[in-house]
Protein backbone atom coordinates (compact mmCIF):
# COMPACT_ATOMS: atom_id res chain seq x y z
CA MET A 1 101.75 106.57 119.24
CA PRO A 2 101.33 107.55 115.56
CA SER A 3 103.14 110.65 114.37
CA GLU A 4 101.13 113.88 114.26
CA ARG A 5 101.69 113.81 110.51
CA MET A 6 99.97 110.43 110.27
CA ARG A 7 96.45 110.01 111.64
CA ILE A 8 94.46 106.80 111.71
CA ARG A 9 90.73 106.31 111.80
CA GLN A 10 89.92 103.08 113.56
CA PRO A 11 88.48 100.21 111.44
CA GLU A 12 84.72 100.00 111.08
CA ALA A 13 82.66 97.08 109.81
CA VAL A 14 81.38 97.78 106.29
CA PHE A 15 79.78 94.49 105.26
CA SER A 16 77.07 92.82 107.23
CA LYS A 17 76.21 89.19 106.89
CA PRO A 18 72.54 88.69 107.89
CA SER A 19 73.00 84.92 108.13
CA LEU A 20 75.41 85.42 111.05
CA PRO A 21 74.37 86.35 114.59
CA ALA A 22 74.39 90.06 115.26
CA ASP A 23 77.18 89.70 117.80
CA ALA A 24 79.40 87.93 115.25
CA ALA A 25 79.07 89.94 112.02
CA GLY A 26 81.12 93.12 112.20
CA SER A 27 82.03 92.46 115.84
CA ALA A 28 85.38 93.71 117.05
CA HIS A 29 86.03 90.16 118.23
CA ASP A 30 85.41 88.67 114.77
CA VAL A 31 88.72 88.75 112.88
CA THR A 32 86.97 87.54 109.71
CA ALA A 33 84.65 90.60 109.54
CA ASP A 34 85.29 92.95 106.60
CA VAL A 35 86.38 96.42 107.70
CA THR A 36 87.98 99.58 106.41
CA ALA A 37 90.67 101.75 107.96
CA ASP A 38 91.76 105.15 106.72
CA ILE A 39 95.29 106.42 107.32
CA GLU A 40 95.80 110.11 106.65
CA VAL A 41 99.37 111.25 106.00
CA VAL A 42 99.77 115.05 106.08
CA ASP A 43 103.41 115.22 104.93
CA PRO A 44 103.61 114.46 101.17
CA ASN A 45 107.27 113.37 101.38
CA LEU A 46 106.43 110.94 104.17
CA LEU A 47 103.46 109.68 102.19
CA LEU A 48 105.74 108.89 99.22
CA GLN A 49 108.23 107.09 101.49
CA ILE A 50 105.45 104.99 102.99
CA THR A 51 103.55 104.09 99.84
CA GLY A 52 106.44 104.07 97.33
CA PRO A 53 106.50 105.40 93.76
CA SER A 54 103.14 104.78 92.06
CA ALA A 55 101.96 103.22 95.36
CA SER A 56 104.24 100.23 94.70
CA ARG A 57 104.50 99.39 98.39
CA LEU A 58 100.74 99.37 98.79
CA ALA A 59 100.59 96.82 95.99
CA ARG A 60 103.10 94.63 97.86
CA ILE A 61 101.11 94.96 101.07
CA GLU A 62 97.96 93.95 99.17
CA ALA A 63 99.67 90.84 97.82
CA ALA A 64 101.13 89.90 101.20
CA THR A 65 98.09 90.49 103.42
CA GLY A 66 95.09 90.08 101.12
CA VAL A 67 93.71 93.55 101.87
CA SER A 68 92.65 96.14 99.32
CA ALA A 69 94.94 99.17 99.67
CA GLY A 70 94.15 102.35 97.81
CA LEU A 71 95.48 105.91 97.86
CA ARG A 72 93.32 109.01 97.39
CA GLY A 73 94.95 112.34 98.08
CA GLN A 74 96.61 112.11 101.47
CA THR A 75 94.54 109.15 102.62
CA ILE A 76 95.46 105.47 102.46
CA ARG A 77 92.36 103.25 102.65
CA LEU A 78 92.70 99.65 103.73
CA ARG A 79 89.80 97.24 103.27
CA GLY A 80 89.48 93.56 104.05
CA ARG A 81 89.37 91.12 106.93
CA ARG A 82 89.75 92.76 110.31
CA ASP A 83 92.93 90.85 111.17
CA ALA A 84 94.49 91.51 107.75
CA VAL A 85 93.65 95.24 107.92
CA ALA A 86 95.16 95.46 111.40
CA LEU A 87 98.37 93.81 110.13
CA ALA A 88 98.60 96.08 107.04
CA GLU A 89 97.95 99.13 109.20
CA ARG A 90 100.71 98.08 111.59
CA VAL A 91 103.16 97.56 108.70
CA LEU A 92 102.49 101.07 107.38
CA LEU A 93 102.93 102.59 110.83
CA GLU A 94 106.19 100.72 111.37
CA ILE A 95 107.54 101.76 107.95
CA GLN A 96 106.65 105.36 108.83
CA GLU A 97 108.51 105.07 112.13
CA VAL A 98 111.65 103.70 110.45
CA THR A 99 111.78 106.31 107.69
CA SER A 100 110.94 109.20 110.05
CA SER A 101 113.93 108.32 112.24
CA GLY A 102 116.43 108.23 109.39
CA GLY A 103 116.27 104.54 108.47
CA THR A 104 115.64 103.11 105.02
CA VAL A 105 112.98 100.67 103.88
CA ARG A 106 113.21 99.38 100.30
CA ASP A 107 110.31 98.06 98.25
CA ALA A 108 111.86 94.61 98.60
CA ASP A 109 111.66 94.92 102.40
CA VAL A 110 107.89 95.25 102.53
CA LEU A 111 107.24 91.51 102.26
CA ALA A 112 109.82 90.86 104.99
CA ALA A 113 108.16 93.51 107.15
CA VAL A 114 104.76 91.85 106.79
CA ARG A 115 106.21 88.45 107.61
CA LEU A 116 108.13 89.77 110.62
CA LEU A 117 105.20 91.58 112.17
CA GLU A 118 102.83 88.68 111.50
CA GLN A 119 105.17 86.19 113.21
CA HIS A 120 106.47 88.56 115.91
CA PRO A 121 103.71 91.03 116.86
CA GLU A 122 105.80 92.43 119.67
CA LEU A 123 108.65 93.40 117.32
CA LYS A 124 109.43 96.95 116.23
CA LEU A 125 110.74 97.20 112.67
CA ARG A 126 113.23 99.90 113.65
CA GLU A 127 114.93 97.37 115.93
CA VAL A 128 115.76 95.37 112.79
CA PHE A 129 116.07 97.82 109.88
CA GLN A 130 118.09 100.36 111.88
CA ASP A 131 120.75 97.86 112.93
CA VAL A 132 123.35 99.36 110.59
CA ALA A 133 126.61 97.56 109.96
CA ILE A 134 128.16 100.36 107.90
CA VAL A 135 127.27 103.23 105.57
CA ALA A 136 128.64 102.41 102.12
CA GLN A 137 130.63 104.82 99.95
CA SER A 138 127.44 105.58 98.01
CA GLY A 139 125.71 106.68 101.20
CA LYS A 140 123.59 103.54 101.32
CA GLN A 141 123.04 102.08 104.74
CA ILE A 142 124.02 98.43 104.94
CA ALA A 143 121.70 97.16 107.66
CA ALA A 144 119.81 94.07 108.69
CA ARG A 145 116.87 93.29 106.41
CA GLY A 146 115.32 90.65 108.67
CA LEU A 147 115.49 89.06 112.10
CA ALA A 148 118.07 86.42 111.09
CA GLN A 149 120.38 89.14 109.74
CA LYS A 150 119.96 91.17 112.93
CA TYR A 151 120.95 88.15 115.05
CA TYR A 152 123.86 87.53 112.70
CA LEU A 153 125.20 91.08 113.02
CA GLN A 154 124.95 90.90 116.81
CA ALA A 155 126.66 87.52 116.83
CA VAL A 156 129.61 88.94 114.89
CA ARG A 157 129.87 91.82 117.34
CA ASP A 158 129.79 89.55 120.37
CA HIS A 159 131.80 86.46 119.31
CA ASP A 160 135.26 85.83 117.95
CA VAL A 161 134.22 83.02 115.60
CA VAL A 162 130.83 82.97 113.85
CA PHE A 163 129.45 80.53 111.28
CA GLY A 164 126.83 81.92 108.90
CA VAL A 165 125.06 78.98 107.29
CA GLY A 166 122.24 79.03 104.77
CA PRO A 167 121.19 79.39 101.14
CA ALA A 168 122.48 81.88 98.60
CA GLY A 169 121.07 85.39 98.78
CA THR A 170 120.71 85.67 102.55
CA GLY A 171 123.49 88.25 102.94
CA LYS A 172 125.93 86.06 104.85
CA THR A 173 129.09 87.19 103.09
CA TYR A 174 127.93 90.72 102.32
CA LEU A 175 127.14 91.53 105.95
CA ALA A 176 130.36 89.90 107.13
CA MET A 177 132.24 92.15 104.71
CA ALA A 178 130.42 95.20 106.07
CA MET A 179 131.31 94.26 109.64
CA ALA A 180 134.93 93.70 108.63
CA ILE A 181 135.23 97.16 107.05
CA GLN A 182 133.51 98.71 110.09
CA ALA A 183 136.02 96.98 112.39
CA LEU A 184 138.91 98.25 110.25
CA GLN A 185 137.62 101.81 110.15
CA SER A 186 137.11 101.86 113.91
CA GLN A 187 140.69 100.49 114.34
CA ARG A 188 139.52 97.37 116.19
CA VAL A 189 141.56 95.35 113.68
CA LYS A 190 144.57 96.25 111.56
CA ARG A 191 143.69 94.27 108.46
CA ILE A 192 141.03 92.24 106.67
CA VAL A 193 141.70 88.83 105.16
CA LEU A 194 139.18 87.46 102.67
CA THR A 195 139.52 83.89 101.48
CA ARG A 196 137.65 81.05 99.82
CA PRO A 197 138.58 77.64 98.48
CA ALA A 198 139.27 77.53 94.75
CA VAL A 199 137.15 74.44 94.11
CA GLU A 200 136.06 73.73 90.58
CA ALA A 201 132.27 73.76 90.08
CA GLY A 202 132.06 71.71 86.91
CA GLU A 203 134.95 73.47 85.18
CA LYS A 204 138.67 72.76 85.30
CA LEU A 205 141.09 75.41 86.44
CA GLY A 206 143.67 74.15 83.97
CA PHE A 207 141.57 75.30 81.05
CA LEU A 208 141.50 78.90 82.28
CA PRO A 209 144.12 81.25 80.79
CA GLY A 210 146.92 82.91 82.75
CA ASP A 211 149.11 82.11 85.74
CA LEU A 212 147.87 80.73 89.09
CA ASN A 213 146.69 84.11 90.39
CA GLU A 214 144.76 84.77 87.22
CA LYS A 215 143.22 81.31 87.34
CA VAL A 216 141.89 81.67 90.89
CA ASP A 217 140.81 85.30 90.54
CA PRO A 218 137.32 84.38 89.23
CA TYR A 219 136.71 82.36 92.43
CA LEU A 220 137.49 85.46 94.50
CA ARG A 221 135.50 87.88 92.37
CA PRO A 222 132.37 87.88 94.65
CA LEU A 223 134.56 89.09 97.50
CA TYR A 224 135.97 91.93 95.37
CA ASP A 225 132.43 92.83 94.27
CA ALA A 226 131.22 93.19 97.85
CA LEU A 227 134.32 95.15 98.80
CA HIS A 228 133.94 97.66 95.95
CA ASP A 229 130.26 98.10 96.78
CA MET A 230 131.22 99.45 100.20
CA LEU A 231 134.43 101.38 99.53
CA PRO A 232 135.42 103.70 96.67
CA ALA A 233 137.42 101.74 94.12
CA ALA A 234 140.55 103.85 94.59
CA ARG A 235 140.40 103.42 98.37
CA ALA A 236 139.81 99.66 98.15
CA ASN A 237 142.62 99.19 95.65
CA ALA A 238 145.02 101.25 97.80
CA LEU A 239 144.23 99.12 100.86
CA ILE A 240 144.80 95.96 98.82
CA GLN A 241 148.10 97.25 97.49
CA ARG A 242 149.29 98.05 101.02
CA GLY A 243 148.23 94.61 102.27
CA VAL A 244 145.65 96.06 104.67
CA ILE A 245 143.02 94.08 102.77
CA GLU A 246 144.13 90.71 101.46
CA VAL A 247 142.05 88.56 99.11
CA ALA A 248 143.57 85.12 98.60
CA PRO A 249 142.73 81.46 98.00
CA LEU A 250 142.42 79.35 101.13
CA ALA A 251 145.58 77.40 100.27
CA PHE A 252 147.59 80.58 100.88
CA MET A 253 146.57 80.56 104.58
CA ARG A 254 148.61 77.53 105.52
CA GLY A 255 151.41 78.15 108.02
CA ARG A 256 150.28 81.67 108.92
CA THR A 257 149.04 83.24 112.18
CA LEU A 258 146.48 85.96 111.61
CA GLU A 259 146.68 88.55 114.39
CA ASP A 260 144.68 91.77 114.73
CA ALA A 261 142.66 90.69 111.72
CA PHE A 262 139.07 90.25 110.63
CA VAL A 263 139.08 87.04 108.59
CA ILE A 264 136.23 85.86 106.34
CA LEU A 265 136.13 82.37 104.89
CA ASP A 266 133.50 82.26 102.13
CA GLU A 267 132.04 79.19 100.37
CA ALA A 268 133.21 77.09 103.34
CA GLN A 269 131.11 74.10 102.27
CA ASN A 270 133.85 73.47 99.69
CA THR A 271 136.61 73.11 102.26
CA THR A 272 137.86 69.66 103.20
CA VAL A 273 137.97 68.68 106.87
CA SER A 274 141.72 69.29 107.00
CA GLN A 275 141.36 72.68 105.29
CA MET A 276 138.74 73.81 107.79
CA LYS A 277 140.94 72.74 110.70
CA MET A 278 143.88 74.54 109.13
CA PHE A 279 141.85 77.73 108.71
CA LEU A 280 140.36 77.79 112.20
CA THR A 281 143.78 77.25 113.76
CA ARG A 282 145.24 80.27 111.91
CA ILE A 283 143.23 82.69 114.08
CA GLY A 284 145.55 84.70 116.31
CA PRO A 285 145.16 87.18 119.17
CA ARG A 286 142.67 90.08 118.76
CA SER A 287 141.17 88.52 115.62
CA LYS A 288 137.67 87.68 114.49
CA ALA A 289 136.67 85.03 111.96
CA VAL A 290 133.40 84.64 110.07
CA VAL A 291 132.82 81.41 108.16
CA THR A 292 130.01 81.40 105.57
CA GLY A 293 128.64 78.61 103.45
CA ASP A 294 125.69 76.68 102.08
CA PRO A 295 125.80 72.97 102.91
CA THR A 296 123.45 72.20 100.00
CA GLN A 297 125.96 73.43 97.37
CA VAL A 298 129.03 71.28 97.93
CA ASP A 299 131.30 71.04 94.89
CA LEU A 300 133.87 68.68 96.43
CA PRO A 301 134.64 65.39 94.64
CA SER A 302 132.23 62.60 95.37
CA GLY A 303 132.92 60.89 98.66
CA GLN A 304 134.87 63.81 100.15
CA HIS A 305 133.35 65.15 103.37
CA SER A 306 132.69 68.89 103.67
CA GLY A 307 134.78 70.67 106.27
CA LEU A 308 131.85 72.98 107.03
CA ALA A 309 129.46 70.14 107.86
CA ASP A 310 132.15 68.49 109.96
CA ALA A 311 132.88 71.69 111.91
CA LEU A 312 129.21 72.41 112.59
CA GLY A 313 128.83 69.02 114.20
CA LEU A 314 132.13 69.01 116.04
CA LEU A 315 132.31 72.58 117.36
CA SER A 316 128.69 73.36 118.27
CA GLY A 317 129.46 73.31 122.00
CA VAL A 318 132.64 75.40 121.91
CA ARG A 319 132.34 78.58 123.97
CA GLY A 320 133.04 81.81 122.09
CA LEU A 321 131.85 80.30 118.82
CA LEU A 322 128.31 80.76 117.48
CA CYS A 323 126.42 79.32 114.50
CA CYS A 324 123.75 81.45 112.78
CA TYR A 325 121.36 79.65 110.45
CA PHE A 326 119.44 81.23 107.57
CA GLY A 327 116.51 79.77 105.63
CA ALA A 328 114.66 80.47 102.39
CA GLU A 329 112.54 83.08 104.19
CA ASP A 330 115.71 85.10 104.83
CA VAL A 331 116.65 85.49 101.14
CA VAL A 332 117.04 89.19 100.30
CA ARG A 333 117.70 88.87 96.56
CA HIS A 334 114.92 88.66 93.96
CA PRO A 335 111.74 87.14 95.52
CA LEU A 336 111.98 84.27 93.04
CA VAL A 337 115.28 83.19 94.66
CA ALA A 338 113.41 82.31 97.85
CA GLU A 339 110.92 80.22 95.87
CA ILE A 340 113.74 78.46 94.04
CA VAL A 341 115.48 77.67 97.33
CA ARG A 342 112.24 76.28 98.75
CA ALA A 343 111.73 74.08 95.68
CA TYR A 344 115.17 72.55 96.03
CA GLU A 345 114.79 72.15 99.80
CA GLY A 346 111.45 70.40 99.30
CA ARG A 347 112.88 67.98 96.75
CA ASP A 348 115.90 67.21 98.94
CA ALA A 349 113.67 66.62 101.96
CA ALA A 350 111.46 64.26 99.93
CA ARG A 351 114.48 62.30 98.75
CA ALA A 352 115.77 62.07 102.33
CA ARG A 353 112.38 60.68 103.45
CA ASP A 354 112.39 58.17 100.61
CA ARG A 355 115.88 56.97 101.58
CA GLY A 356 114.76 56.66 105.16
CA HIS A 357 111.90 54.41 104.09
CA GLY A 358 114.15 52.38 101.83
CA VAL A 359 112.47 53.59 98.62
């Protein structure tokens, strides 16, 4: 039921089409009929949360659903096709429900909300956006921003080894980091180990200044960035100094047994088959491991097989291990990133088809 602070007047047909039968034009059964729906929000703070500054969220809903969405006083008016108005109305109600119960919805989440409710009408947004991994040092809730991220968070909770596979910008490493810090703070693990292969992406390590640690540090920088986004810098640095949080190149994992640890292997597509086997066999008692990577961005030398691709094929049936797959629709960075990913995926798919036909 809608909140008492948010009242809805049911859609009514506003355009008649004389050329159509009377039982078709404006009928409640005709999803193509043009209708209006008014949503009155009594609480001004709630109204701002729902519509966004300068009604920015209404503009996003317009773009995503095709309705006209306007704001006059305390009333939001939706106008358009009956099915589109119903969807836009549902999105606004769901956003209201999330924000009223203490959750956060960003402007960037509106498109994801429309897509989720369009594809999964039975879904409640709060079931997704209020699945919080951790509250960052800034007070920001780090929570699922889509269905794939929700499944991913639950997979990490329920399984000892999880693969997060998909394009850049889907939150694979960031959410894994949040879950690692949450596990450390709740004393379910004693330390966090963050690692990634130091594979050259078009540049040679030898040309970088400094000793080995200084040379590989740029490869580990994304892990540091995520860490410092969730913990105060002084706290993060103190944990690193004490060895409670370790950030190291994958080569440093050889010969070790990682017990009572939450281990994250990032950029796993750049591991060799032997490196992946080495990493997975380091996992000791009471430990969790999350392996993240994008199989489309392999920087290994030509002819060398990716350890991530090999593991996904080899280990898919192993109990206690789960693979979570993300697509372009799950990108949570700038909206253009999703379009860029789709463009590359489309070209790669076309090339694969051409090779299959011997072109």
